[in-house]
Amino acid sequence: MTEEVDVDLTDEQPPVDELAALRAERDEFKDRFMRALADAENTRKRGERDRREAEQYGGSKLARDMLPVYDNMKRALEAAGDAGDGAKALVEGVELTMRSLLNIFEKHGIRLLSPELGEKFDPEVHEAMFEAPLPGTKAGDIIQVMNEGFMLHDRLLRPAQVGVSSTPK
């Protein structure tokens, strides 16, 4: 005796509208996931760049504060250069201190910008303190250097302060 069992072999398929809604929801979640991954990667890269910049330029405030020390030592050396033998030891001490300071600057990526007389004025690295006509020069030539400038790696710490020739009369 065999019994007949009524089995429905057709799988019930969800309605087409429900399937489209599920696909749209899946696509939305995939899009959000991809955006979150991209945001995480951008944040990682930005953090790495910020860390490198902090490492490289973190001491710029200290460096800027040390520049007047350099200026004063340079002026002391210039003034003491005309002094007699009594000041010789003082001059040697200041020169040694100056070399030490410049070595520390170099070690930390601080570079001296020392324009030459007759060099063309560059507003990117020079600050014009005055302008005066000087025979034998062209307009825009540096005619005097008051203070040297400094770079920290590729950033300007302080422009060189210079006098510039105007059109000679």
C-alpha atoms as a PDB file:
ATOM      1  CA  MET A   1       0.000   0.000   0.000  1.00  0.00           C
ATOM      2  CA  THR A   2       1.377   3.155  -1.030  1.00  0.00           C
ATOM      3  CA  GLU A   3       0.246   6.306   0.352  1.00  0.00           C
ATOM      4  CA  GLU A   4       0.213   9.375  -1.682  1.00  0.00           C
ATOM      5  CA  VAL A   5       1.764  12.416  -0.113  1.00  0.00           C
ATOM      6  CA  ASP A   6       0.998  15.737  -1.587  1.00  0.00           C
ATOM      7  CA  VAL A   7       4.380  17.609  -1.739  1.00  0.00           C
ATOM      8  CA  ASP A   8       4.686  21.044  -3.259  1.00  0.00           C
ATOM      9  CA  LEU A   9       8.046  21.079  -5.078  1.00  0.00           C
ATOM     10  CA  THR A  10       7.914  24.735  -6.015  1.00  0.00           C
ATOM     11  CA  ASP A  11       9.962  26.924  -3.663  1.00  0.00           C
ATOM     12  CA  GLU A  12       8.092  29.880  -2.558  1.00  0.00           C
ATOM     13  CA  GLN A  13       9.795  32.910  -4.092  1.00  0.00           C
ATOM     14  CA  PRO A  14       9.509  36.274  -2.373  1.00  0.00           C
ATOM     15  CA  PRO A  15       7.562  38.809  -4.293  1.00  0.00           C
ATOM     16  CA  VAL A  16       9.583  40.831  -6.835  1.00  0.00           C
ATOM     17  CA  ASP A  17       9.131  44.071  -4.874  1.00  0.00           C
ATOM     18  CA  GLU A  18      10.595  42.529  -1.717  1.00  0.00           C
ATOM     19  CA  LEU A  19      13.580  41.184  -3.655  1.00  0.00           C
ATOM     20  CA  ALA A  20      14.286  44.590  -5.192  1.00  0.00           C
ATOM     21  CA  ALA A  21      14.052  46.213  -1.742  1.00  0.00           C
ATOM     22  CA  LEU A  22      16.554  43.699  -0.294  1.00  0.00           C
ATOM     23  CA  ARG A  23      18.977  44.324  -3.171  1.00  0.00           C
ATOM     24  CA  ALA A  24      18.701  48.088  -2.697  1.00  0.00           C
ATOM     25  CA  GLU A  25      19.328  47.700   1.024  1.00  0.00           C
ATOM     26  CA  ARG A  26      22.345  45.449   0.317  1.00  0.00           C
ATOM     27  CA  ASP A  27      23.741  48.017  -2.136  1.00  0.00           C
ATOM     28  CA  GLU A  28      23.250  50.796   0.398  1.00  0.00           C
ATOM     29  CA  PHE A  29      25.081  48.819   3.102  1.00  0.00           C
ATOM     30  CA  LYS A  30      27.887  48.003   0.666  1.00  0.00           C
ATOM     31  CA  ASP A  31      28.212  51.688  -0.279  1.00  0.00           C
ATOM     32  CA  ARG A  32      28.299  52.737   3.386  1.00  0.00           C
ATOM     33  CA  PHE A  33      30.894  50.060   4.129  1.00  0.00           C
ATOM     34  CA  MET A  34      33.129  51.207   1.241  1.00  0.00           C
ATOM     35  CA  ARG A  35      32.833  54.836   2.357  1.00  0.00           C
ATOM     36  CA  ALA A  36      33.732  53.861   5.915  1.00  0.00           C
ATOM     37  CA  LEU A  37      36.799  51.999   4.638  1.00  0.00           C
ATOM     38  CA  ALA A  38      37.851  55.013   2.564  1.00  0.00           C
ATOM     39  CA  ASP A  39      37.339  57.354   5.544  1.00  0.00           C
ATOM     40  CA  ALA A  40      39.420  55.061   7.753  1.00  0.00           C
ATOM     41  CA  GLU A  41      42.226  55.005   5.166  1.00  0.00           C
ATOM     42  CA  ASN A  42      42.132  58.806   4.772  1.00  0.00           C
ATOM     43  CA  THR A  43      42.234  59.230   8.547  1.00  0.00           C
ATOM     44  CA  ARG A  44      45.225  56.890   8.762  1.00  0.00           C
ATOM     45  CA  LYS A  45      47.077  58.817   6.032  1.00  0.00           C
ATOM     46  CA  ARG A  46      46.228  62.193   7.597  1.00  0.00           C
ATOM     47  CA  GLY A  47      47.435  60.964  10.989  1.00  0.00           C
ATOM     48  CA  GLU A  48      50.685  59.728   9.482  1.00  0.00           C
ATOM     49  CA  ARG A  49      51.231  63.066   7.687  1.00  0.00           C
ATOM     50  CA  ASP A  50      50.440  65.029  10.874  1.00  0.00           C
ATOM     51  CA  ARG A  51      52.860  62.863  12.855  1.00  0.00           C
ATOM     52  CA  ARG A  52      55.636  63.454  10.298  1.00  0.00           C
ATOM     53  CA  GLU A  53      54.988  67.213  10.285  1.00  0.00           C
ATOM     54  CA  ALA A  54      54.965  67.363  14.086  1.00  0.00           C
ATOM     55  CA  GLU A  55      58.233  65.454  14.152  1.00  0.00           C
ATOM     56  CA  GLN A  56      59.832  67.682  11.526  1.00  0.00           C
ATOM     57  CA  TYR A  57      58.400  71.094  12.451  1.00  0.00           C
ATOM     58  CA  GLY A  58      57.474  70.670  16.114  1.00  0.00           C
ATOM     59  CA  GLY A  59      60.471  72.706  17.263  1.00  0.00           C
ATOM     60  CA  SER A  60      59.785  75.717  15.069  1.00  0.00           C
ATOM     61  CA  LYS A  61      58.655  77.888  18.013  1.00  0.00           C
ATOM     62  CA  LEU A  62      61.878  77.129  19.903  1.00  0.00           C
ATOM     63  CA  ALA A  63      63.904  77.696  16.747  1.00  0.00           C
ATOM     64  CA  ARG A  64      62.222  81.062  16.111  1.00  0.00           C
ATOM     65  CA  ASP A  65      62.900  82.074  19.730  1.00  0.00           C
ATOM     66  CA  MET A  66      66.613  81.190  19.302  1.00  0.00           C
ATOM     67  CA  LEU A  67      67.138  83.455  16.275  1.00  0.00           C
ATOM     68  CA  PRO A  68      67.644  86.657  18.316  1.00  0.00           C
ATOM     69  CA  VAL A  69      70.403  84.837  20.241  1.00  0.00           C
ATOM     70  CA  TYR A  70      72.161  84.263  16.938  1.00  0.00           C
ATOM     71  CA  ASP A  71      71.662  87.910  15.943  1.00  0.00           C
ATOM     72  CA  ASN A  72      73.058  89.221  19.230  1.00  0.00           C
ATOM     73  CA  MET A  73      76.097  86.953  19.102  1.00  0.00           C
ATOM     74  CA  LYS A  74      76.793  88.032  15.530  1.00  0.00           C
ATOM     75  CA  ARG A  75      76.585  91.714  16.516  1.00  0.00           C
ATOM     76  CA  ALA A  76      78.876  91.077  19.492  1.00  0.00           C
ATOM     77  CA  LEU A  77      81.440  89.465  17.210  1.00  0.00           C
ATOM     78  CA  GLU A  78      81.260  92.355  14.757  1.00  0.00           C
ATOM     79  CA  ALA A  79      81.636  94.928  17.553  1.00  0.00           C
ATOM     80  CA  ALA A  80      84.433  93.028  19.308  1.00  0.00           C
ATOM     81  CA  GLY A  81      86.384  92.537  16.081  1.00  0.00           C
ATOM     82  CA  ASP A  82      87.880  96.029  16.471  1.00  0.00           C
ATOM     83  CA  ALA A  83      88.715  95.597  20.162  1.00  0.00           C
ATOM     84  CA  GLY A  84      92.245  95.163  21.526  1.00  0.00           C
ATOM     85  CA  ASP A  85      94.008  92.044  22.821  1.00  0.00           C
ATOM     86  CA  GLY A  86      92.005  92.018  26.082  1.00  0.00           C
ATOM     87  CA  ALA A  87      88.874  91.099  24.183  1.00  0.00           C
ATOM     88  CA  LYS A  88      90.556  88.327  22.167  1.00  0.00           C
ATOM     89  CA  ALA A  89      89.529  85.551  24.566  1.00  0.00           C
ATOM     90  CA  LEU A  90      85.975  86.908  24.697  1.00  0.00           C
ATOM     91  CA  VAL A  91      85.804  86.966  20.894  1.00  0.00           C
ATOM     92  CA  GLU A  92      87.098  83.376  20.697  1.00  0.00           C
ATOM     93  CA  GLY A  93      84.496  82.271  23.254  1.00  0.00           C
ATOM     94  CA  VAL A  94      81.662  83.947  21.396  1.00  0.00           C
ATOM     95  CA  GLU A  95      82.900  82.488  18.080  1.00  0.00           C
ATOM     96  CA  LEU A  96      82.968  79.006  19.618  1.00  0.00           C
ATOM     97  CA  THR A  97      79.447  79.505  20.985  1.00  0.00           C
ATOM     98  CA  MET A  98      78.300  80.757  17.572  1.00  0.00           C
ATOM     99  CA  ARG A  99      79.741  77.688  15.802  1.00  0.00           C
ATOM    100  CA  SER A 100      78.070  75.444  18.377  1.00  0.00           C
ATOM    101  CA  LEU A 101      74.717  77.180  17.844  1.00  0.00           C
ATOM    102  CA  LEU A 102      75.010  76.848  14.052  1.00  0.00           C
ATOM    103  CA  ASN A 103      75.878  73.134  14.405  1.00  0.00           C
ATOM    104  CA  ILE A 104      72.766  72.611  16.545  1.00  0.00           C
ATOM    105  CA  PHE A 105      70.686  74.506  13.998  1.00  0.00           C
ATOM    106  CA  GLU A 106      72.059  72.327  11.187  1.00  0.00           C
ATOM    107  CA  LYS A 107      71.428  69.147  13.176  1.00  0.00           C
ATOM    108  CA  HIS A 108      67.756  70.131  13.519  1.00  0.00           C
ATOM    109  CA  GLY A 109      67.265  71.197   9.900  1.00  0.00           C
ATOM    110  CA  ILE A 110      67.616  74.952  10.425  1.00  0.00           C
ATOM    111  CA  ARG A 111      69.463  76.521   7.514  1.00  0.00           C
ATOM    112  CA  LEU A 112      70.918  80.023   7.325  1.00  0.00           C
ATOM    113  CA  LEU A 113      69.731  82.293   4.488  1.00  0.00           C
ATOM    114  CA  SER A 114      72.563  84.731   3.938  1.00  0.00           C
ATOM    115  CA  PRO A 115      71.930  86.852   0.826  1.00  0.00           C
ATOM    116  CA  GLU A 116      74.885  88.417  -0.949  1.00  0.00           C
ATOM    117  CA  LEU A 117      75.138  92.083  -1.914  1.00  0.00           C
ATOM    118  CA  GLY A 118      73.996  92.534  -5.508  1.00  0.00           C
ATOM    119  CA  GLU A 119      71.756  89.451  -5.354  1.00  0.00           C
ATOM    120  CA  LYS A 120      68.200  89.909  -6.671  1.00  0.00           C
ATOM    121  CA  PHE A 121      65.511  90.592  -4.057  1.00  0.00           C
ATOM    122  CA  ASP A 122      63.204  87.559  -3.632  1.00  0.00           C
ATOM    123  CA  PRO A 123      60.016  88.322  -1.668  1.00  0.00           C
ATOM    124  CA  GLU A 124      59.677  84.606  -0.839  1.00  0.00           C
ATOM    125  CA  VAL A 125      62.793  84.677   1.385  1.00  0.00           C
ATOM    126  CA  HIS A 126      63.677  88.386   1.807  1.00  0.00           C
ATOM    127  CA  GLU A 127      61.965  91.228   3.662  1.00  0.00           C
ATOM    128  CA  ALA A 128      62.727  94.715   2.322  1.00  0.00           C
ATOM    129  CA  MET A 129      63.457  97.028   5.251  1.00  0.00           C
ATOM    130  CA  PHE A 130      64.148 100.060   3.063  1.00  0.00           C
ATOM    131  CA  GLU A 131      64.573 101.044  -0.558  1.00  0.00           C
ATOM    132  CA  ALA A 132      67.177 103.538  -1.778  1.00  0.00           C
ATOM    133  CA  PRO A 133      68.700 104.521  -5.109  1.00  0.00           C
ATOM    134  CA  LEU A 134      72.340 103.459  -5.339  1.00  0.00           C
ATOM    135  CA  PRO A 135      74.461 104.266  -8.408  1.00  0.00           C
ATOM    136  CA  GLY A 136      75.923 101.205 -10.087  1.00  0.00           C
ATOM    137  CA  THR A 137      73.045  98.928  -9.121  1.00  0.00           C
ATOM    138  CA  LYS A 138      69.860  97.807 -10.772  1.00  0.00           C
ATOM    139  CA  ALA A 139      66.415  98.177  -9.216  1.00  0.00           C
ATOM    140  CA  GLY A 140      65.714  95.168  -7.013  1.00  0.00           C
ATOM    141  CA  ASP A 141      69.357  94.437  -6.122  1.00  0.00           C
ATOM    142  CA  ILE A 142      70.179  93.833  -2.457  1.00  0.00           C
ATOM    143  CA  ILE A 143      72.402  96.665  -1.230  1.00  0.00           C
ATOM    144  CA  GLN A 144      72.525  95.848   2.508  1.00  0.00           C
ATOM    145  CA  VAL A 145      71.796  92.845   4.738  1.00  0.00           C
ATOM    146  CA  MET A 146      70.533  93.767   8.206  1.00  0.00           C
ATOM    147  CA  ASN A 147      69.642  90.277   9.463  1.00  0.00           C
ATOM    148  CA  GLU A 148      70.066  86.892   7.855  1.00  0.00           C
ATOM    149  CA  GLY A 149      67.047  84.673   7.365  1.00  0.00           C
ATOM    150  CA  PHE A 150      66.457  81.076   8.370  1.00  0.00           C
ATOM    151  CA  MET A 151      64.645  78.052   6.923  1.00  0.00           C
ATOM    152  CA  LEU A 152      63.387  75.064   8.911  1.00  0.00           C
ATOM    153  CA  HIS A 153      63.612  72.261   6.351  1.00  0.00           C
ATOM    154  CA  ASP A 154      61.449  73.730   3.575  1.00  0.00           C
ATOM    155  CA  ARG A 155      59.578  76.313   5.678  1.00  0.00           C
ATOM    156  CA  LEU A 156      60.645  79.908   6.173  1.00  0.00           C
ATOM    157  CA  LEU A 157      61.287  80.688   9.852  1.00  0.00           C
ATOM    158  CA  ARG A 158      62.331  84.264   9.221  1.00  0.00           C
ATOM    159  CA  PRO A 159      63.026  86.148   6.007  1.00  0.00           C
ATOM    160  CA  ALA A 160      66.386  87.821   5.542  1.00  0.00           C
ATOM    161  CA  GLN A 161      65.978  91.533   6.275  1.00  0.00           C
ATOM    162  CA  VAL A 162      67.600  93.536   3.493  1.00  0.00           C
ATOM    163  CA  GLY A 163      67.877  96.954   1.917  1.00  0.00           C
ATOM    164  CA  VAL A 164      66.957  97.066  -1.758  1.00  0.00           C
ATOM    165  CA  SER A 165      68.092  99.360  -4.540  1.00  0.00           C
ATOM    166  CA  SER A 166      65.411 101.416  -6.201  1.00  0.00           C
ATOM    167  CA  THR A 167      65.796 102.837  -9.654  1.00  0.00           C
ATOM    168  CA  PRO A 168      68.970 104.991  -9.428  1.00  0.00           C
ATOM    169  CA  LYS A 169      68.454 108.659 -10.317  1.00  0.00           C
END
